[in-house]
mmCIF file of all heavy atoms, coordinates in Angstrom:
data_MODEL
# 
_entry.id   MODEL 
# 
loop_
_atom_site.group_PDB 
_atom_site.id 
_atom_site.type_symbol 
_atom_site.label_atom_id 
_atom_site.label_alt_id 
_atom_site.label_comp_id 
_atom_site.label_asym_id 
_atom_site.label_entity_id 
_atom_site.label_seq_id 
_atom_site.pdbx_PDB_ins_code 
_atom_site.Cartn_x 
_atom_site.Cartn_y 
_atom_site.Cartn_z 
_atom_site.occupancy 
_atom_site.B_iso_or_equiv 
_atom_site.pdbx_formal_charge 
_atom_site.auth_seq_id 
_atom_site.auth_comp_id 
_atom_site.auth_asym_id 
_atom_site.auth_atom_id 
_atom_site.pdbx_PDB_model_num 
ATOM 1   N N   . HIS A 1 1  ? 5.413   8.909   12.870  1.00 0.00 ? 1  HIS A N   1 
ATOM 2   C CA  . HIS A 1 1  ? 6.038   9.256   11.579  1.00 0.00 ? 1  HIS A CA  1 
ATOM 3   C C   . HIS A 1 1  ? 5.909   10.734  11.210  1.00 0.00 ? 1  HIS A C   1 
ATOM 4   O O   . HIS A 1 1  ? 6.372   11.151  10.191  1.00 0.00 ? 1  HIS A O   1 
ATOM 5   C CB  . HIS A 1 1  ? 5.459   8.424   10.460  1.00 0.00 ? 1  HIS A CB  1 
ATOM 6   C CG  . HIS A 1 1  ? 5.845   6.970   10.556  1.00 0.00 ? 1  HIS A CG  1 
ATOM 7   N ND1 . HIS A 1 1  ? 5.216   6.099   11.407  1.00 0.00 ? 1  HIS A ND1 1 
ATOM 8   C CD2 . HIS A 1 1  ? 6.792   6.241   9.892   1.00 0.00 ? 1  HIS A CD2 1 
ATOM 9   C CE1 . HIS A 1 1  ? 5.721   4.887   11.267  1.00 0.00 ? 1  HIS A CE1 1 
ATOM 10  N NE2 . HIS A 1 1  ? 6.674   4.947   10.400  1.00 0.00 ? 1  HIS A NE2 1 
ATOM 11  N N   . ASN A 1 2  ? 5.263   11.507  12.145  1.00 0.00 ? 2  ASN A N   1 
ATOM 12  C CA  . ASN A 1 2  ? 5.161   12.949  11.959  1.00 0.00 ? 2  ASN A CA  1 
ATOM 13  C C   . ASN A 1 2  ? 4.608   13.366  10.601  1.00 0.00 ? 2  ASN A C   1 
ATOM 14  O O   . ASN A 1 2  ? 5.018   14.315  9.963   1.00 0.00 ? 2  ASN A O   1 
ATOM 15  C CB  . ASN A 1 2  ? 6.542   13.616  12.145  1.00 0.00 ? 2  ASN A CB  1 
ATOM 16  C CG  . ASN A 1 2  ? 7.089   13.368  13.558  1.00 0.00 ? 2  ASN A CG  1 
ATOM 17  O OD1 . ASN A 1 2  ? 6.362   13.468  14.502  1.00 0.00 ? 2  ASN A OD1 1 
ATOM 18  N ND2 . ASN A 1 2  ? 8.369   13.072  13.632  1.00 0.00 ? 2  ASN A ND2 1 
ATOM 19  N N   . GLY A 1 3  ? 3.636   12.544  10.057  1.00 0.00 ? 3  GLY A N   1 
ATOM 20  C CA  . GLY A 1 3  ? 2.975   12.915  8.838   1.00 0.00 ? 3  GLY A CA  1 
ATOM 21  C C   . GLY A 1 3  ? 3.858   12.762  7.631   1.00 0.00 ? 3  GLY A C   1 
ATOM 22  O O   . GLY A 1 3  ? 3.464   13.282  6.550   1.00 0.00 ? 3  GLY A O   1 
ATOM 23  N N   . LYS A 1 4  ? 4.971   12.078  7.650   1.00 0.00 ? 4  LYS A N   1 
ATOM 24  C CA  . LYS A 1 4  ? 5.832   11.954  6.524   1.00 0.00 ? 4  LYS A CA  1 
ATOM 25  C C   . LYS A 1 4  ? 5.878   10.518  5.983   1.00 0.00 ? 4  LYS A C   1 
ATOM 26  O O   . LYS A 1 4  ? 6.875   10.040  5.451   1.00 0.00 ? 4  LYS A O   1 
ATOM 27  C CB  . LYS A 1 4  ? 7.265   12.331  6.880   1.00 0.00 ? 4  LYS A CB  1 
ATOM 28  C CG  . LYS A 1 4  ? 7.360   13.836  7.305   1.00 0.00 ? 4  LYS A CG  1 
ATOM 29  C CD  . LYS A 1 4  ? 8.790   14.189  7.655   1.00 0.00 ? 4  LYS A CD  1 
ATOM 30  C CE  . LYS A 1 4  ? 8.882   15.618  8.052   1.00 0.00 ? 4  LYS A CE  1 
ATOM 31  N NZ  . LYS A 1 4  ? 10.277  16.052  8.458   1.00 0.00 ? 4  LYS A NZ  1 
ATOM 32  N N   . LEU A 1 5  ? 4.706   9.803   6.172   1.00 0.00 ? 5  LEU A N   1 
ATOM 33  C CA  . LEU A 1 5  ? 4.672   8.424   5.807   1.00 0.00 ? 5  LEU A CA  1 
ATOM 34  C C   . LEU A 1 5  ? 4.876   8.191   4.316   1.00 0.00 ? 5  LEU A C   1 
ATOM 35  O O   . LEU A 1 5  ? 5.483   7.214   3.878   1.00 0.00 ? 5  LEU A O   1 
ATOM 36  C CB  . LEU A 1 5  ? 3.351   7.834   6.246   1.00 0.00 ? 5  LEU A CB  1 
ATOM 37  C CG  . LEU A 1 5  ? 3.247   7.464   7.730   1.00 0.00 ? 5  LEU A CG  1 
ATOM 38  C CD1 . LEU A 1 5  ? 1.785   7.243   8.137   1.00 0.00 ? 5  LEU A CD1 1 
ATOM 39  C CD2 . LEU A 1 5  ? 4.082   6.212   8.031   1.00 0.00 ? 5  LEU A CD2 1 
ATOM 40  N N   . LEU A 1 6  ? 4.381   9.105   3.511   1.00 0.00 ? 6  LEU A N   1 
ATOM 41  C CA  . LEU A 1 6  ? 4.412   8.860   2.059   1.00 0.00 ? 6  LEU A CA  1 
ATOM 42  C C   . LEU A 1 6  ? 5.640   9.534   1.423   1.00 0.00 ? 6  LEU A C   1 
ATOM 43  O O   . LEU A 1 6  ? 5.845   9.398   0.236   1.00 0.00 ? 6  LEU A O   1 
ATOM 44  C CB  . LEU A 1 6  ? 3.142   9.437   1.396   1.00 0.00 ? 6  LEU A CB  1 
ATOM 45  C CG  . LEU A 1 6  ? 1.860   8.768   1.762   1.00 0.00 ? 6  LEU A CG  1 
ATOM 46  C CD1 . LEU A 1 6  ? 0.725   9.326   0.980   1.00 0.00 ? 6  LEU A CD1 1 
ATOM 47  C CD2 . LEU A 1 6  ? 1.977   7.224   1.588   1.00 0.00 ? 6  LEU A CD2 1 
ATOM 48  N N   . SER A 1 7  ? 6.502   10.131  2.211   1.00 0.00 ? 7  SER A N   1 
ATOM 49  C CA  . SER A 1 7  ? 7.646   10.775  1.593   1.00 0.00 ? 7  SER A CA  1 
ATOM 50  C C   . SER A 1 7  ? 8.589   9.743   0.987   1.00 0.00 ? 7  SER A C   1 
ATOM 51  O O   . SER A 1 7  ? 9.063   9.908   -0.124  1.00 0.00 ? 7  SER A O   1 
ATOM 52  C CB  . SER A 1 7  ? 8.422   11.572  2.688   1.00 0.00 ? 7  SER A CB  1 
ATOM 53  O OG  . SER A 1 7  ? 7.563   12.598  3.195   1.00 0.00 ? 7  SER A OG  1 
ATOM 54  N N   . PHE A 1 8  ? 8.857   8.654   1.729   1.00 0.00 ? 8  PHE A N   1 
ATOM 55  C CA  . PHE A 1 8  ? 9.788   7.632   1.248   1.00 0.00 ? 8  PHE A CA  1 
ATOM 56  C C   . PHE A 1 8  ? 9.095   6.297   1.067   1.00 0.00 ? 8  PHE A C   1 
ATOM 57  O O   . PHE A 1 8  ? 9.612   5.460   0.286   1.00 0.00 ? 8  PHE A O   1 
ATOM 58  C CB  . PHE A 1 8  ? 10.964  7.491   2.237   1.00 0.00 ? 8  PHE A CB  1 
ATOM 59  C CG  . PHE A 1 8  ? 11.736  8.781   2.479   1.00 0.00 ? 8  PHE A CG  1 
ATOM 60  C CD1 . PHE A 1 8  ? 11.504  9.540   3.598   1.00 0.00 ? 8  PHE A CD1 1 
ATOM 61  C CD2 . PHE A 1 8  ? 12.624  9.244   1.506   1.00 0.00 ? 8  PHE A CD2 1 
ATOM 62  C CE1 . PHE A 1 8  ? 12.201  10.743  3.829   1.00 0.00 ? 8  PHE A CE1 1 
ATOM 63  C CE2 . PHE A 1 8  ? 13.292  10.407  1.709   1.00 0.00 ? 8  PHE A CE2 1 
ATOM 64  C CZ  . PHE A 1 8  ? 13.112  11.160  2.885   1.00 0.00 ? 8  PHE A CZ  1 
ATOM 65  N N   . GLY A 1 9  ? 8.078   6.052   1.790   1.00 0.00 ? 9  GLY A N   1 
ATOM 66  C CA  . GLY A 1 9  ? 7.435   4.707   1.731   1.00 0.00 ? 9  GLY A CA  1 
ATOM 67  C C   . GLY A 1 9  ? 6.175   4.638   0.871   1.00 0.00 ? 9  GLY A C   1 
ATOM 68  O O   . GLY A 1 9  ? 5.377   3.741   1.118   1.00 0.00 ? 9  GLY A O   1 
ATOM 69  N N   . ILE A 1 10 ? 6.011   5.513   -0.088  1.00 0.00 ? 10 ILE A N   1 
ATOM 70  C CA  . ILE A 1 10 ? 4.803   5.540   -0.906  1.00 0.00 ? 10 ILE A CA  1 
ATOM 71  C C   . ILE A 1 10 ? 4.614   4.187   -1.673  1.00 0.00 ? 10 ILE A C   1 
ATOM 72  O O   . ILE A 1 10 ? 3.505   3.708   -1.741  1.00 0.00 ? 10 ILE A O   1 
ATOM 73  C CB  . ILE A 1 10 ? 4.806   6.729   -1.858  1.00 0.00 ? 10 ILE A CB  1 
ATOM 74  C CG1 . ILE A 1 10 ? 3.430   6.771   -2.585  1.00 0.00 ? 10 ILE A CG1 1 
ATOM 75  C CG2 . ILE A 1 10 ? 5.954   6.733   -2.812  1.00 0.00 ? 10 ILE A CG2 1 
ATOM 76  C CD1 . ILE A 1 10 ? 3.269   8.069   -3.431  1.00 0.00 ? 10 ILE A CD1 1 
ATOM 77  N N   . ILE A 1 11 ? 5.684   3.701   -2.222  1.00 0.00 ? 11 ILE A N   1 
ATOM 78  C CA  . ILE A 1 11 ? 5.592   2.463   -3.000  1.00 0.00 ? 11 ILE A CA  1 
ATOM 79  C C   . ILE A 1 11 ? 5.145   1.320   -2.152  1.00 0.00 ? 11 ILE A C   1 
ATOM 80  O O   . ILE A 1 11 ? 4.235   0.553   -2.465  1.00 0.00 ? 11 ILE A O   1 
ATOM 81  C CB  . ILE A 1 11 ? 6.907   2.147   -3.736  1.00 0.00 ? 11 ILE A CB  1 
ATOM 82  C CG1 . ILE A 1 11 ? 7.274   3.284   -4.739  1.00 0.00 ? 11 ILE A CG1 1 
ATOM 83  C CG2 . ILE A 1 11 ? 6.845   0.815   -4.482  1.00 0.00 ? 11 ILE A CG2 1 
ATOM 84  C CD1 . ILE A 1 11 ? 8.568   3.091   -5.426  1.00 0.00 ? 11 ILE A CD1 1 
ATOM 85  N N   . ALA A 1 12 ? 5.831   1.160   -1.030  1.00 0.00 ? 12 ALA A N   1 
ATOM 86  C CA  . ALA A 1 12 ? 5.483   0.054   -0.084  1.00 0.00 ? 12 ALA A CA  1 
ATOM 87  C C   . ALA A 1 12 ? 4.067   0.209   0.447   1.00 0.00 ? 12 ALA A C   1 
ATOM 88  O O   . ALA A 1 12 ? 3.322   -0.753  0.601   1.00 0.00 ? 12 ALA A O   1 
ATOM 89  C CB  . ALA A 1 12 ? 6.504   -0.008  1.094   1.00 0.00 ? 12 ALA A CB  1 
ATOM 90  N N   . THR A 1 13 ? 3.658   1.445   0.704   1.00 0.00 ? 13 THR A N   1 
ATOM 91  C CA  . THR A 1 13 ? 2.313   1.687   1.237   1.00 0.00 ? 13 THR A CA  1 
ATOM 92  C C   . THR A 1 13 ? 1.236   1.325   0.204   1.00 0.00 ? 13 THR A C   1 
ATOM 93  O O   . THR A 1 13 ? 0.265   0.647   0.537   1.00 0.00 ? 13 THR A O   1 
ATOM 94  C CB  . THR A 1 13 ? 2.178   3.171   1.670   1.00 0.00 ? 13 THR A CB  1 
ATOM 95  O OG1 . THR A 1 13 ? 3.189   3.518   2.572   1.00 0.00 ? 13 THR A OG1 1 
ATOM 96  C CG2 . THR A 1 13 ? 0.793   3.463   2.229   1.00 0.00 ? 13 THR A CG2 1 
ATOM 97  N N   . ILE A 1 14 ? 1.425   1.775   -1.000  1.00 0.00 ? 14 ILE A N   1 
ATOM 98  C CA  . ILE A 1 14 ? 0.457   1.467   -2.039  1.00 0.00 ? 14 ILE A CA  1 
ATOM 99  C C   . ILE A 1 14 ? 0.409   -0.047  -2.330  1.00 0.00 ? 14 ILE A C   1 
ATOM 100 O O   . ILE A 1 14 ? -0.654  -0.633  -2.536  1.00 0.00 ? 14 ILE A O   1 
ATOM 101 C CB  . ILE A 1 14 ? 0.783   2.266   -3.344  1.00 0.00 ? 14 ILE A CB  1 
ATOM 102 C CG1 . ILE A 1 14 ? 0.653   3.783   -3.064  1.00 0.00 ? 14 ILE A CG1 1 
ATOM 103 C CG2 . ILE A 1 14 ? -0.141  1.871   -4.466  1.00 0.00 ? 14 ILE A CG2 1 
ATOM 104 C CD1 . ILE A 1 14 ? 1.109   4.670   -4.249  1.00 0.00 ? 14 ILE A CD1 1 
ATOM 105 N N   . TRP A 1 15 ? 1.601   -0.639  -2.382  1.00 0.00 ? 15 TRP A N   1 
ATOM 106 C CA  . TRP A 1 15 ? 1.675   -2.062  -2.621  1.00 0.00 ? 15 TRP A CA  1 
ATOM 107 C C   . TRP A 1 15 ? 0.907   -2.879  -1.563  1.00 0.00 ? 15 TRP A C   1 
ATOM 108 O O   . TRP A 1 15 ? 0.131   -3.756  -1.849  1.00 0.00 ? 15 TRP A O   1 
ATOM 109 C CB  . TRP A 1 15 ? 3.146   -2.488  -2.656  1.00 0.00 ? 15 TRP A CB  1 
ATOM 110 C CG  . TRP A 1 15 ? 3.379   -3.931  -3.092  1.00 0.00 ? 15 TRP A CG  1 
ATOM 111 C CD1 . TRP A 1 15 ? 3.275   -5.079  -2.297  1.00 0.00 ? 15 TRP A CD1 1 
ATOM 112 C CD2 . TRP A 1 15 ? 3.716   -4.427  -4.424  1.00 0.00 ? 15 TRP A CD2 1 
ATOM 113 N NE1 . TRP A 1 15 ? 3.507   -6.188  -3.039  1.00 0.00 ? 15 TRP A NE1 1 
ATOM 114 C CE2 . TRP A 1 15 ? 3.812   -5.784  -4.359  1.00 0.00 ? 15 TRP A CE2 1 
ATOM 115 C CE3 . TRP A 1 15 ? 3.950   -3.734  -5.622  1.00 0.00 ? 15 TRP A CE3 1 
ATOM 116 C CZ2 . TRP A 1 15 ? 4.096   -6.547  -5.460  1.00 0.00 ? 15 TRP A CZ2 1 
ATOM 117 C CZ3 . TRP A 1 15 ? 4.255   -4.531  -6.727  1.00 0.00 ? 15 TRP A CZ3 1 
ATOM 118 C CH2 . TRP A 1 15 ? 4.354   -5.896  -6.631  1.00 0.00 ? 15 TRP A CH2 1 
ATOM 119 N N   . SER A 1 16 ? 1.105   -2.481  -0.315  1.00 0.00 ? 16 SER A N   1 
ATOM 120 C CA  . SER A 1 16 ? 0.419   -3.218  0.767   1.00 0.00 ? 16 SER A CA  1 
ATOM 121 C C   . SER A 1 16 ? -1.091  -2.927  0.743   1.00 0.00 ? 16 SER A C   1 
ATOM 122 O O   . SER A 1 16 ? -1.870  -3.883  0.959   1.00 0.00 ? 16 SER A O   1 
ATOM 123 C CB  . SER A 1 16 ? 1.017   -2.718  2.113   1.00 0.00 ? 16 SER A CB  1 
ATOM 124 O OG  . SER A 1 16 ? 2.373   -2.988  2.260   1.00 0.00 ? 16 SER A OG  1 
ATOM 125 N N   . ALA A 1 17 ? -1.434  -1.709  0.416   1.00 0.00 ? 17 ALA A N   1 
ATOM 126 C CA  . ALA A 1 17 ? -2.876  -1.378  0.321   1.00 0.00 ? 17 ALA A CA  1 
ATOM 127 C C   . ALA A 1 17 ? -3.577  -2.134  -0.773  1.00 0.00 ? 17 ALA A C   1 
ATOM 128 O O   . ALA A 1 17 ? -4.818  -2.370  -0.661  1.00 0.00 ? 17 ALA A O   1 
ATOM 129 C CB  . ALA A 1 17 ? -3.052  0.138   0.184   1.00 0.00 ? 17 ALA A CB  1 
ATOM 130 N N   . SER A 1 18 ? -2.879  -2.487  -1.794  1.00 0.00 ? 18 SER A N   1 
ATOM 131 C CA  . SER A 1 18 ? -3.461  -3.165  -2.961  1.00 0.00 ? 18 SER A CA  1 
ATOM 132 C C   . SER A 1 18 ? -3.597  -4.658  -2.778  1.00 0.00 ? 18 SER A C   1 
ATOM 133 O O   . SER A 1 18 ? -4.125  -5.361  -3.662  1.00 0.00 ? 18 SER A O   1 
ATOM 134 C CB  . SER A 1 18 ? -2.687  -2.845  -4.257  1.00 0.00 ? 18 SER A CB  1 
ATOM 135 O OG  . SER A 1 18 ? -1.383  -3.446  -4.205  1.00 0.00 ? 18 SER A OG  1 
ATOM 136 N N   . ASN A 1 19 ? -3.049  -5.237  -1.669  1.00 0.00 ? 19 ASN A N   1 
ATOM 137 C CA  . ASN A 1 19 ? -3.091  -6.660  -1.431  1.00 0.00 ? 19 ASN A CA  1 
ATOM 138 C C   . ASN A 1 19 ? -4.564  -7.169  -1.381  1.00 0.00 ? 19 ASN A C   1 
ATOM 139 O O   . ASN A 1 19 ? -4.861  -8.302  -1.857  1.00 0.00 ? 19 ASN A O   1 
ATOM 140 C CB  . ASN A 1 19 ? -2.355  -7.025  -0.168  1.00 0.00 ? 19 ASN A CB  1 
ATOM 141 C CG  . ASN A 1 19 ? -0.841  -7.067  -0.342  1.00 0.00 ? 19 ASN A CG  1 
ATOM 142 O OD1 . ASN A 1 19 ? -0.396  -7.347  -1.417  1.00 0.00 ? 19 ASN A OD1 1 
ATOM 143 N ND2 . ASN A 1 19 ? -0.103  -6.826  0.751   1.00 0.00 ? 19 ASN A ND2 1 
ATOM 144 N N   . GLY A 1 20 ? -5.396  -6.387  -0.726  1.00 0.00 ? 20 GLY A N   1 
ATOM 145 C CA  . GLY A 1 20 ? -6.811  -6.772  -0.635  1.00 0.00 ? 20 GLY A CA  1 
ATOM 146 C C   . GLY A 1 20 ? -7.433  -6.883  -2.003  1.00 0.00 ? 20 GLY A C   1 
ATOM 147 O O   . GLY A 1 20 ? -8.169  -7.865  -2.287  1.00 0.00 ? 20 GLY A O   1 
ATOM 148 N N   . ILE A 1 21 ? -7.216  -5.882  -2.841  1.00 0.00 ? 21 ILE A N   1 
ATOM 149 C CA  . ILE A 1 21 ? -7.751  -5.920  -4.235  1.00 0.00 ? 21 ILE A CA  1 
ATOM 150 C C   . ILE A 1 21 ? -7.181  -7.099  -5.004  1.00 0.00 ? 21 ILE A C   1 
ATOM 151 O O   . ILE A 1 21 ? -7.918  -7.757  -5.745  1.00 0.00 ? 21 ILE A O   1 
ATOM 152 C CB  . ILE A 1 21 ? -7.457  -4.607  -4.975  1.00 0.00 ? 21 ILE A CB  1 
ATOM 153 C CG1 . ILE A 1 21 ? -8.055  -3.437  -4.177  1.00 0.00 ? 21 ILE A CG1 1 
ATOM 154 C CG2 . ILE A 1 21 ? -8.024  -4.616  -6.377  1.00 0.00 ? 21 ILE A CG2 1 
ATOM 155 C CD1 . ILE A 1 21 ? -9.537  -3.414  -4.083  1.00 0.00 ? 21 ILE A CD1 1 
ATOM 156 N N   . ASN A 1 22 ? -5.899  -7.377  -4.813  1.00 0.00 ? 22 ASN A N   1 
ATOM 157 C CA  . ASN A 1 22 ? -5.275  -8.482  -5.525  1.00 0.00 ? 22 ASN A CA  1 
ATOM 158 C C   . ASN A 1 22 ? -5.895  -9.834  -5.155  1.00 0.00 ? 22 ASN A C   1 
ATOM 159 O O   . ASN A 1 22 ? -6.052  -10.717 -5.969  1.00 0.00 ? 22 ASN A O   1 
ATOM 160 C CB  . ASN A 1 22 ? -3.769  -8.482  -5.225  1.00 0.00 ? 22 ASN A CB  1 
ATOM 161 C CG  . ASN A 1 22 ? -2.994  -9.243  -6.245  1.00 0.00 ? 22 ASN A CG  1 
ATOM 162 O OD1 . ASN A 1 22 ? -3.219  -9.145  -7.461  1.00 0.00 ? 22 ASN A OD1 1 
ATOM 163 N ND2 . ASN A 1 22 ? -2.043  -10.076 -5.772  1.00 0.00 ? 22 ASN A ND2 1 
ATOM 164 N N   . ALA A 1 23 ? -6.276  -9.978  -3.840  1.00 0.00 ? 23 ALA A N   1 
ATOM 165 C CA  . ALA A 1 23 ? -6.941  -11.177 -3.390  1.00 0.00 ? 23 ALA A CA  1 
ATOM 166 C C   . ALA A 1 23 ? -8.308  -11.296 -4.006  1.00 0.00 ? 23 ALA A C   1 
ATOM 167 O O   . ALA A 1 23 ? -8.780  -12.398 -4.356  1.00 0.00 ? 23 ALA A O   1 
ATOM 168 C CB  . ALA A 1 23 ? -7.008  -11.202 -1.884  1.00 0.00 ? 23 ALA A CB  1 
ATOM 169 N N   . ILE A 1 24 ? -9.012  -10.163 -4.187  1.00 0.00 ? 24 ILE A N   1 
ATOM 170 C CA  . ILE A 1 24 ? -10.333 -10.163 -4.834  1.00 0.00 ? 24 ILE A CA  1 
ATOM 171 C C   . ILE A 1 24 ? -10.227 -10.614 -6.261  1.00 0.00 ? 24 ILE A C   1 
ATOM 172 O O   . ILE A 1 24 ? -11.075 -11.369 -6.776  1.00 0.00 ? 24 ILE A O   1 
ATOM 173 C CB  . ILE A 1 24 ? -11.003 -8.787  -4.701  1.00 0.00 ? 24 ILE A CB  1 
ATOM 174 C CG1 . ILE A 1 24 ? -11.331 -8.467  -3.241  1.00 0.00 ? 24 ILE A CG1 1 
ATOM 175 C CG2 . ILE A 1 24 ? -12.218 -8.679  -5.593  1.00 0.00 ? 24 ILE A CG2 1 
ATOM 176 C CD1 . ILE A 1 24 ? -11.905 -7.088  -3.019  1.00 0.00 ? 24 ILE A CD1 1 
ATOM 177 N N   . VAL A 1 25 ? -9.175  -10.191 -6.970  1.00 0.00 ? 25 VAL A N   1 
ATOM 178 C CA  . VAL A 1 25 ? -8.908  -10.574 -8.350  1.00 0.00 ? 25 VAL A CA  1 
ATOM 179 C C   . VAL A 1 25 ? -8.856  -12.075 -8.473  1.00 0.00 ? 25 VAL A C   1 
ATOM 180 O O   . VAL A 1 25 ? -9.498  -12.701 -9.330  1.00 0.00 ? 25 VAL A O   1 
ATOM 181 C CB  . VAL A 1 25 ? -7.653  -9.903  -8.906  1.00 0.00 ? 25 VAL A CB  1 
ATOM 182 C CG1 . VAL A 1 25 ? -7.265  -10.480 -10.245 1.00 0.00 ? 25 VAL A CG1 1 
ATOM 183 C CG2 . VAL A 1 25 ? -7.823  -8.383  -8.990  1.00 0.00 ? 25 VAL A CG2 1 
ATOM 184 N N   . ARG A 1 26 ? -8.074  -12.701 -7.591  1.00 0.00 ? 26 ARG A N   1 
ATOM 185 C CA  . ARG A 1 26 ? -7.932  -14.173 -7.580  1.00 0.00 ? 26 ARG A CA  1 
ATOM 186 C C   . ARG A 1 26 ? -9.251  -14.859 -7.344  1.00 0.00 ? 26 ARG A C   1 
ATOM 187 O O   . ARG A 1 26 ? -9.580  -15.919 -7.939  1.00 0.00 ? 26 ARG A O   1 
ATOM 188 C CB  . ARG A 1 26 ? -6.855  -14.607 -6.595  1.00 0.00 ? 26 ARG A CB  1 
ATOM 189 C CG  . ARG A 1 26 ? -5.464  -14.109 -6.926  1.00 0.00 ? 26 ARG A CG  1 
ATOM 190 C CD  . ARG A 1 26 ? -4.436  -14.859 -6.122  1.00 0.00 ? 26 ARG A CD  1 
ATOM 191 N NE  . ARG A 1 26 ? -4.605  -14.661 -4.717  1.00 0.00 ? 26 ARG A NE  1 
ATOM 192 C CZ  . ARG A 1 26 ? -3.998  -13.697 -4.001  1.00 0.00 ? 26 ARG A CZ  1 
ATOM 193 N NH1 . ARG A 1 26 ? -3.256  -12.812 -4.602  1.00 0.00 ? 26 ARG A NH1 1 
ATOM 194 N NH2 . ARG A 1 26 ? -4.211  -13.585 -2.684  1.00 0.00 ? 26 ARG A NH2 1 
ATOM 195 N N   . ALA A 1 27 ? -10.056 -14.326 -6.420  1.00 0.00 ? 27 ALA A N   1 
ATOM 196 C CA  . ALA A 1 27 ? -11.321 -14.938 -6.075  1.00 0.00 ? 27 ALA A CA  1 
ATOM 197 C C   . ALA A 1 27 ? -12.299 -14.852 -7.309  1.00 0.00 ? 27 ALA A C   1 
ATOM 198 O O   . ALA A 1 27 ? -13.015 -15.783 -7.576  1.00 0.00 ? 27 ALA A O   1 
ATOM 199 C CB  . ALA A 1 27 ? -11.953 -14.213 -4.844  1.00 0.00 ? 27 ALA A CB  1 
# 
């Protein structure tokens, strides 16, 4: 991705990264 991962996919990246925290909330 030549270091441009967050240029367009920042929302999807943050959403995916927060899945672990969201699972902890349910637990």
